[in-house]
Each structure stands twice: as C-alpha cells, then as structure tokens.
Amino acid sequence: VRRCIIFMDGDDAGKEGTLKVYKTLSNFLECKVLKLWAMKGSPYAKAKNSTEAKALGLELWDPGNCPQWIINTIKERYI
C-alpha cells in the first residue's frame, strides 16, 4: 500500500478518528482526507454538531449512505 484515503463519518467520533488515523498513517503513506462533513450539500453544514443535526431530523451522511455522486467522484479521482 502506497496511498490511503481516509473517509469517515462527520460525527465527533469520525472526526477524531480521522485525525488519529491521519497522524499515524501519514508517517508511512501518502494520505488523503475526504471530509464528508464539509462536502457540498452535507447535512452537517446545517447544524453545529451531530447531536443538533439529529434533533433537527437531518439524515446524517456516512460512507455507507452518502449520495452516489460522492462515491462516483471518489472512484474517478482516487481509484
């Protein structure tokens, strides 16, 4: 493996995990962080945190339920 793509949820655990994984792997590999919480149309943009987003009834994205255009873009750019 020469390159990794870090693509985690935008909740608090996902953001913290992104930092930890990046800090560890970037010492050995080329790493790209994709911030699902900061992408165009993200429900996280409408709330300060995941608790508030859930209270507003927003369906939060994660790598398994984000829009297909995001997956397609990742495939085109990185795979």
PDB file of N, CA and C in Angstrom:
ATOM      1  N   VAL A   1       0.847  -1.176   0.000  1.00  0.00           N
ATOM      2  CA  VAL A   1       0.000   0.000   0.000  1.00  0.00           C
ATOM      3  C   VAL A   1       0.889   1.235   0.000  1.00  0.00           C
ATOM      4  N   ARG A   2       0.620   2.128  -0.919  1.00  0.00           N
ATOM      5  CA  ARG A   2       1.401   3.362  -1.002  1.00  0.00           C
ATOM      6  C   ARG A   2       0.562   4.597  -0.665  1.00  0.00           C
ATOM      7  N   ARG A   3      -0.751   4.450  -0.754  1.00  0.00           N
ATOM      8  CA  ARG A   3      -1.630   5.601  -0.553  1.00  0.00           C
ATOM      9  C   ARG A   3      -2.884   5.159   0.181  1.00  0.00           C
ATOM     10  N   CYS A   4      -3.396   6.023   1.042  1.00  0.00           N
ATOM     11  CA  CYS A   4      -4.650   5.712   1.713  1.00  0.00           C
ATOM     12  C   CYS A   4      -5.611   6.885   1.552  1.00  0.00           C
ATOM     13  N   ILE A   5      -6.874   6.571   1.575  1.00  0.00           N
ATOM     14  CA  ILE A   5      -7.932   7.575   1.534  1.00  0.00           C
ATOM     15  C   ILE A   5      -8.719   7.407   2.822  1.00  0.00           C
ATOM     16  N   ILE A   6      -8.756   8.451   3.619  1.00  0.00           N
ATOM     17  CA  ILE A   6      -9.464   8.418   4.894  1.00  0.00           C
ATOM     18  C   ILE A   6     -10.817   9.071   4.670  1.00  0.00           C
ATOM     19  N   PHE A   7     -11.880   8.307   4.897  1.00  0.00           N
ATOM     20  CA  PHE A   7     -13.237   8.740   4.562  1.00  0.00           C
ATOM     21  C   PHE A   7     -14.174   8.241   5.662  1.00  0.00           C
ATOM     22  N   MET A   8     -14.322   9.047   6.697  1.00  0.00           N
ATOM     23  CA  MET A   8     -15.117   8.643   7.857  1.00  0.00           C
ATOM     24  C   MET A   8     -16.337   9.539   8.035  1.00  0.00           C
ATOM     25  N   ASP A   9     -17.201   9.111   8.943  1.00  0.00           N
ATOM     26  CA  ASP A   9     -18.393   9.881   9.290  1.00  0.00           C
ATOM     27  C   ASP A   9     -18.011  11.271   9.775  1.00  0.00           C
ATOM     28  N   GLY A  10     -18.985  12.170   9.762  1.00  0.00           N
ATOM     29  CA  GLY A  10     -18.756  13.521  10.238  1.00  0.00           C
ATOM     30  C   GLY A  10     -19.170  13.744  11.675  1.00  0.00           C
ATOM     31  N   ASP A  11     -19.518  12.658  12.379  1.00  0.00           N
ATOM     32  CA  ASP A  11     -19.843  12.828  13.796  1.00  0.00           C
ATOM     33  C   ASP A  11     -18.547  13.016  14.581  1.00  0.00           C
ATOM     34  N   ASP A  12     -18.675  13.265  15.868  1.00  0.00           N
ATOM     35  CA  ASP A  12     -17.487  13.538  16.681  1.00  0.00           C
ATOM     36  C   ASP A  12     -16.476  12.394  16.627  1.00  0.00           C
ATOM     37  N   ALA A  13     -16.959  11.162  16.690  1.00  0.00           N
ATOM     38  CA  ALA A  13     -16.056  10.009  16.656  1.00  0.00           C
ATOM     39  C   ALA A  13     -15.353   9.900  15.304  1.00  0.00           C
ATOM     40  N   GLY A  14     -16.071  10.180  14.231  1.00  0.00           N
ATOM     41  CA  GLY A  14     -15.464  10.122  12.899  1.00  0.00           C
ATOM     42  C   GLY A  14     -14.398  11.178  12.709  1.00  0.00           C
ATOM     43  N   LYS A  15     -14.656  12.381  13.204  1.00  0.00           N
ATOM     44  CA  LYS A  15     -13.663  13.455  13.088  1.00  0.00           C
ATOM     45  C   LYS A  15     -12.418  13.139  13.920  1.00  0.00           C
ATOM     46  N   GLU A  16     -12.629  12.657  15.132  1.00  0.00           N
ATOM     47  CA  GLU A  16     -11.498  12.301  15.986  1.00  0.00           C
ATOM     48  C   GLU A  16     -10.717  11.135  15.388  1.00  0.00           C
ATOM     49  N   GLY A  17     -11.451  10.152  14.867  1.00  0.00           N
ATOM     50  CA  GLY A  17     -10.797   9.005  14.234  1.00  0.00           C
ATOM     51  C   GLY A  17      -9.998   9.413  13.011  1.00  0.00           C
ATOM     52  N   THR A  18     -10.528  10.347  12.240  1.00  0.00           N
ATOM     53  CA  THR A  18      -9.814  10.847  11.070  1.00  0.00           C
ATOM     54  C   THR A  18      -8.470  11.428  11.466  1.00  0.00           C
ATOM     55  N   LEU A  19      -8.470  12.242  12.511  1.00  0.00           N
ATOM     56  CA  LEU A  19      -7.213  12.840  12.985  1.00  0.00           C
ATOM     57  C   LEU A  19      -6.215  11.782  13.430  1.00  0.00           C
ATOM     58  N   LYS A  20      -6.693  10.821  14.208  1.00  0.00           N
ATOM     59  CA  LYS A  20      -5.801   9.779  14.724  1.00  0.00           C
ATOM     60  C   LYS A  20      -5.227   8.916  13.604  1.00  0.00           C
ATOM     61  N   VAL A  21      -6.080   8.507  12.681  1.00  0.00           N
ATOM     62  CA  VAL A  21      -5.614   7.667  11.574  1.00  0.00           C
ATOM     63  C   VAL A  21      -4.632   8.444  10.704  1.00  0.00           C
ATOM     64  N   TYR A  22      -4.961   9.701  10.411  1.00  0.00           N
ATOM     65  CA  TYR A  22      -4.069  10.510   9.583  1.00  0.00           C
ATOM     66  C   TYR A  22      -2.711  10.689  10.259  1.00  0.00           C
ATOM     67  N   LYS A  23      -2.716  11.030  11.543  1.00  0.00           N
ATOM     68  CA  LYS A  23      -1.449  11.234  12.253  1.00  0.00           C
ATOM     69  C   LYS A  23      -0.575   9.986  12.210  1.00  0.00           C
ATOM     70  N   THR A  24      -1.192   8.826  12.284  1.00  0.00           N
ATOM     71  CA  THR A  24      -0.438   7.575  12.274  1.00  0.00           C
ATOM     72  C   THR A  24       0.026   7.210  10.863  1.00  0.00           C
ATOM     73  N   LEU A  25      -0.913   7.156   9.918  1.00  0.00           N
ATOM     74  CA  LEU A  25      -0.578   6.662   8.583  1.00  0.00           C
ATOM     75  C   LEU A  25       0.234   7.639   7.751  1.00  0.00           C
ATOM     76  N   SER A  26       0.071   8.932   7.973  1.00  0.00           N
ATOM     77  CA  SER A  26       0.783   9.901   7.135  1.00  0.00           C
ATOM     78  C   SER A  26       2.294   9.844   7.345  1.00  0.00           C
ATOM     79  N   ASN A  27       2.739   9.197   8.403  1.00  0.00           N
ATOM     80  CA  ASN A  27       4.175   8.987   8.600  1.00  0.00           C
ATOM     81  C   ASN A  27       4.741   7.947   7.639  1.00  0.00           C
ATOM     82  N   PHE A  28       3.855   7.101   7.072  1.00  0.00           N
ATOM     83  CA  PHE A  28       4.306   5.991   6.245  1.00  0.00           C
ATOM     84  C   PHE A  28       3.778   6.027   4.820  1.00  0.00           C
ATOM     85  N   LEU A  29       2.628   6.661   4.621  1.00  0.00           N
ATOM     86  CA  LEU A  29       1.939   6.613   3.339  1.00  0.00           C
ATOM     87  C   LEU A  29       1.506   8.001   2.888  1.00  0.00           C
ATOM     88  N   GLU A  30       1.230   8.107   1.615  1.00  0.00           N
ATOM     89  CA  GLU A  30       0.543   9.288   1.111  1.00  0.00           C
ATOM     90  C   GLU A  30      -0.919   9.157   1.547  1.00  0.00           C
ATOM     91  N   CYS A  31      -1.440  10.136   2.259  1.00  0.00           N
ATOM     92  CA  CYS A  31      -2.813  10.071   2.764  1.00  0.00           C
ATOM     93  C   CYS A  31      -3.635  11.247   2.257  1.00  0.00           C
ATOM     94  N   LYS A  32      -4.845  10.957   1.896  1.00  0.00           N
ATOM     95  CA  LYS A  32      -5.795  11.984   1.504  1.00  0.00           C
ATOM     96  C   LYS A  32      -6.983  11.874   2.453  1.00  0.00           C
ATOM     97  N   VAL A  33      -7.360  13.001   3.049  1.00  0.00           N
ATOM     98  CA  VAL A  33      -8.516  13.040   3.940  1.00  0.00           C
ATOM     99  C   VAL A  33      -9.683  13.629   3.174  1.00  0.00           C
ATOM    100  N   LEU A  34     -10.768  12.884   3.103  1.00  0.00           N
ATOM    101  CA  LEU A  34     -12.005  13.375   2.492  1.00  0.00           C
ATOM    102  C   LEU A  34     -12.975  13.684   3.620  1.00  0.00           C
ATOM    103  N   LYS A  35     -13.335  14.937   3.748  1.00  0.00           N
ATOM    104  CA  LYS A  35     -14.188  15.382   4.851  1.00  0.00           C
ATOM    105  C   LYS A  35     -15.644  15.338   4.423  1.00  0.00           C
ATOM    106  N   LEU A  36     -16.286  14.239   4.722  1.00  0.00           N
ATOM    107  CA  LEU A  36     -17.689  14.048   4.367  1.00  0.00           C
ATOM    108  C   LEU A  36     -18.560  15.143   4.969  1.00  0.00           C
ATOM    109  N   TRP A  37     -18.190  15.611   6.136  1.00  0.00           N
ATOM    110  CA  TRP A  37     -18.958  16.637   6.829  1.00  0.00           C
ATOM    111  C   TRP A  37     -18.827  18.016   6.186  1.00  0.00           C
ATOM    112  N   ALA A  38     -17.859  18.199   5.299  1.00  0.00           N
ATOM    113  CA  ALA A  38     -17.654  19.512   4.685  1.00  0.00           C
ATOM    114  C   ALA A  38     -18.000  19.532   3.194  1.00  0.00           C
ATOM    115  N   MET A  39     -18.508  18.423   2.678  1.00  0.00           N
ATOM    116  CA  MET A  39     -18.816  18.350   1.250  1.00  0.00           C
ATOM    117  C   MET A  39     -20.109  19.084   0.913  1.00  0.00           C
ATOM    118  N   LYS A  40     -20.190  19.482  -0.318  1.00  0.00           N
ATOM    119  CA  LYS A  40     -21.362  20.198  -0.825  1.00  0.00           C
ATOM    120  C   LYS A  40     -22.648  19.451  -0.472  1.00  0.00           C
ATOM    121  N   GLY A  41     -23.600  20.168   0.130  1.00  0.00           N
ATOM    122  CA  GLY A  41     -24.890  19.585   0.468  1.00  0.00           C
ATOM    123  C   GLY A  41     -24.919  18.766   1.742  1.00  0.00           C
ATOM    124  N   SER A  42     -23.811  18.702   2.444  1.00  0.00           N
ATOM    125  CA  SER A  42     -23.749  17.886   3.649  1.00  0.00           C
ATOM    126  C   SER A  42     -24.739  18.368   4.705  1.00  0.00           C
ATOM    127  N   PRO A  43     -25.491  17.442   5.314  1.00  0.00           N
ATOM    128  CA  PRO A  43     -26.399  17.838   6.389  1.00  0.00           C
ATOM    129  C   PRO A  43     -25.663  18.405   7.597  1.00  0.00           C
ATOM    130  N   TYR A  44     -24.374  18.103   7.721  1.00  0.00           N
ATOM    131  CA  TYR A  44     -23.600  18.642   8.828  1.00  0.00           C
ATOM    132  C   TYR A  44     -23.447  20.163   8.717  1.00  0.00           C
ATOM    133  N   ALA A  45     -23.570  20.704   7.516  1.00  0.00           N
ATOM    134  CA  ALA A  45     -23.437  22.151   7.320  1.00  0.00           C
ATOM    135  C   ALA A  45     -24.626  22.919   7.923  1.00  0.00           C
ATOM    136  N   LYS A  46     -25.718  22.225   8.178  1.00  0.00           N
ATOM    137  CA  LYS A  46     -26.919  22.866   8.709  1.00  0.00           C
ATOM    138  C   LYS A  46     -27.005  22.810  10.231  1.00  0.00           C
ATOM    139  N   ALA A  47     -26.034  22.205  10.865  1.00  0.00           N
ATOM    140  CA  ALA A  47     -26.048  22.052  12.319  1.00  0.00           C
ATOM    141  C   ALA A  47     -24.629  22.187  12.860  1.00  0.00           C
ATOM    142  N   LYS A  48     -24.516  22.571  14.114  1.00  0.00           N
ATOM    143  CA  LYS A  48     -23.204  22.764  14.737  1.00  0.00           C
ATOM    144  C   LYS A  48     -22.503  21.455  15.053  1.00  0.00           C
ATOM    145  N   ASN A  49     -23.290  20.400  15.305  1.00  0.00           N
ATOM    146  CA  ASN A  49     -22.710  19.095  15.631  1.00  0.00           C
ATOM    147  C   ASN A  49     -23.728  18.012  15.312  1.00  0.00           C
ATOM    148  N   SER A  50     -23.330  16.761  15.474  1.00  0.00           N
ATOM    149  CA  SER A  50     -24.220  15.662  15.109  1.00  0.00           C
ATOM    150  C   SER A  50     -25.444  15.573  16.020  1.00  0.00           C
ATOM    151  N   THR A  51     -25.311  15.971  17.274  1.00  0.00           N
ATOM    152  CA  THR A  51     -26.460  15.946  18.181  1.00  0.00           C
ATOM    153  C   THR A  51     -27.532  16.929  17.702  1.00  0.00           C
ATOM    154  N   GLU A  52     -27.098  18.121  17.335  1.00  0.00           N
ATOM    155  CA  GLU A  52     -28.044  19.125  16.827  1.00  0.00           C
ATOM    156  C   GLU A  52     -28.653  18.680  15.505  1.00  0.00           C
ATOM    157  N   ALA A  53     -27.854  18.083  14.648  1.00  0.00           N
ATOM    158  CA  ALA A  53     -28.364  17.610  13.359  1.00  0.00           C
ATOM    159  C   ALA A  53     -29.447  16.558  13.561  1.00  0.00           C
ATOM    160  N   LYS A  54     -29.222  15.644  14.480  1.00  0.00           N
ATOM    161  CA  LYS A  54     -30.225  14.611  14.757  1.00  0.00           C
ATOM    162  C   LYS A  54     -31.491  15.219  15.334  1.00  0.00           C
ATOM    163  N   ALA A  55     -31.342  16.224  16.207  1.00  0.00           N
ATOM    164  CA  ALA A  55     -32.501  16.898  16.792  1.00  0.00           C
ATOM    165  C   ALA A  55     -33.324  17.615  15.716  1.00  0.00           C
ATOM    166  N   LEU A  56     -32.649  18.087  14.669  1.00  0.00           N
ATOM    167  CA  LEU A  56     -33.335  18.748  13.561  1.00  0.00           C
ATOM    168  C   LEU A  56     -33.945  17.746  12.576  1.00  0.00           C
ATOM    169  N   GLY A  57     -33.685  16.468  12.814  1.00  0.00           N
ATOM    170  CA  GLY A  57     -34.234  15.428  11.944  1.00  0.00           C
ATOM    171  C   GLY A  57     -33.466  15.240  10.647  1.00  0.00           C
ATOM    172  N   LEU A  58     -32.227  15.696  10.612  1.00  0.00           N
ATOM    173  CA  LEU A  58     -31.415  15.540   9.407  1.00  0.00           C
ATOM    174  C   LEU A  58     -30.855  14.129   9.334  1.00  0.00           C
ATOM    175  N   GLU A  59     -30.875  13.558   8.154  1.00  0.00           N
ATOM    176  CA  GLU A  59     -30.268  12.237   7.962  1.00  0.00           C
ATOM    177  C   GLU A  59     -28.789  12.465   7.678  1.00  0.00           C
ATOM    178  N   LEU A  60     -27.959  12.092   8.617  1.00  0.00           N
ATOM    179  CA  LEU A  60     -26.534  12.345   8.501  1.00  0.00           C
ATOM    180  C   LEU A  60     -25.878  11.362   7.546  1.00  0.00           C
ATOM    181  N   TRP A  61     -24.943  11.854   6.788  1.00  0.00           N
ATOM    182  CA  TRP A  61     -24.203  11.011   5.852  1.00  0.00           C
ATOM    183  C   TRP A  61     -23.112  10.248   6.571  1.00  0.00           C
ATOM    184  N   ASP A  62     -22.880   9.067   6.087  1.00  0.00           N
ATOM    185  CA  ASP A  62     -21.691   8.319   6.444  1.00  0.00           C
ATOM    186  C   ASP A  62     -21.225   7.638   5.161  1.00  0.00           C
ATOM    187  N   PRO A  63     -20.074   7.009   5.144  1.00  0.00           N
ATOM    188  CA  PRO A  63     -19.597   6.411   3.896  1.00  0.00           C
ATOM    189  C   PRO A  63     -20.565   5.401   3.284  1.00  0.00           C
ATOM    190  N   GLY A  64     -21.444   4.839   4.080  1.00  0.00           N
ATOM    191  CA  GLY A  64     -22.383   3.854   3.556  1.00  0.00           C
ATOM    192  C   GLY A  64     -23.703   4.421   3.067  1.00  0.00           C
ATOM    193  N   ASN A  65     -23.997   5.679   3.376  1.00  0.00           N
ATOM    194  CA  ASN A  65     -25.278   6.229   2.922  1.00  0.00           C
ATOM    195  C   ASN A  65     -25.172   7.645   2.366  1.00  0.00           C
ATOM    196  N   CYS A  66     -24.003   8.012   1.851  1.00  0.00           N
ATOM    197  CA  CYS A  66     -23.865   9.325   1.240  1.00  0.00           C
ATOM    198  C   CYS A  66     -24.372   9.254  -0.207  1.00  0.00           C
ATOM    199  N   PRO A  67     -24.618  10.402  -0.814  1.00  0.00           N
ATOM    200  CA  PRO A  67     -25.104  10.400  -2.198  1.00  0.00           C
ATOM    201  C   PRO A  67     -24.140   9.692  -3.161  1.00  0.00           C
ATOM    202  N   GLN A  68     -24.707   9.065  -4.156  1.00  0.00           N
ATOM    203  CA  GLN A  68     -23.910   8.302  -5.117  1.00  0.00           C
ATOM    204  C   GLN A  68     -22.893   9.178  -5.846  1.00  0.00           C
ATOM    205  N   TRP A  69     -23.208  10.452  -6.056  1.00  0.00           N
ATOM    206  CA  TRP A  69     -22.251  11.315  -6.766  1.00  0.00           C
ATOM    207  C   TRP A  69     -20.938  11.444  -5.993  1.00  0.00           C
ATOM    208  N   ILE A  70     -20.990  11.364  -4.679  1.00  0.00           N
ATOM    209  CA  ILE A  70     -19.758  11.426  -3.892  1.00  0.00           C
ATOM    210  C   ILE A  70     -18.921  10.176  -4.133  1.00  0.00           C
ATOM    211  N   ILE A  71     -19.558   9.027  -4.096  1.00  0.00           N
ATOM    212  CA  ILE A  71     -18.852   7.759  -4.358  1.00  0.00           C
ATOM    213  C   ILE A  71     -18.262   7.775  -5.767  1.00  0.00           C
ATOM    214  N   ASN A  72     -19.034   8.229  -6.738  1.00  0.00           N
ATOM    215  CA  ASN A  72     -18.547   8.282  -8.119  1.00  0.00           C
ATOM    216  C   ASN A  72     -17.335   9.205  -8.243  1.00  0.00           C
ATOM    217  N   THR A  73     -17.386  10.357  -7.585  1.00  0.00           N
ATOM    218  CA  THR A  73     -16.266  11.294  -7.627  1.00  0.00           C
ATOM    219  C   THR A  73     -15.015  10.682  -7.007  1.00  0.00           C
ATOM    220  N   ILE A  74     -15.177  10.002  -5.886  1.00  0.00           N
ATOM    221  CA  ILE A  74     -14.033   9.350  -5.242  1.00  0.00           C
ATOM    222  C   ILE A  74     -13.430   8.301  -6.169  1.00  0.00           C
ATOM    223  N   LYS A  75     -14.274   7.505  -6.785  1.00  0.00           N
ATOM    224  CA  LYS A  75     -13.772   6.476  -7.717  1.00  0.00           C
ATOM    225  C   LYS A  75     -12.989   7.108  -8.866  1.00  0.00           C
ATOM    226  N   GLU A  76     -13.535   8.184  -9.438  1.00  0.00           N
ATOM    227  CA  GLU A  76     -12.888   8.827 -10.574  1.00  0.00           C
ATOM    228  C   GLU A  76     -11.542   9.443 -10.187  1.00  0.00           C
ATOM    229  N   ARG A  77     -11.453  10.047  -9.021  1.00  0.00           N
ATOM    230  CA  ARG A  77     -10.245  10.760  -8.620  1.00  0.00           C
ATOM    231  C   ARG A  77      -9.174   9.892  -7.978  1.00  0.00           C
ATOM    232  N   TYR A  78      -9.605   8.865  -7.260  1.00  0.00           N
ATOM    233  CA  TYR A  78      -8.640   8.158  -6.413  1.00  0.00           C
ATOM    234  C   TYR A  78      -8.469   6.670  -6.693  1.00  0.00           C
ATOM    235  N   ILE A  79      -9.343   6.083  -7.468  1.00  0.00           N
ATOM    236  CA  ILE A  79      -9.241   4.636  -7.679  1.00  0.00           C
ATOM    237  C   ILE A  79      -8.966   4.332  -9.143  1.00  0.00           C
TER     238      ILE A  79
END
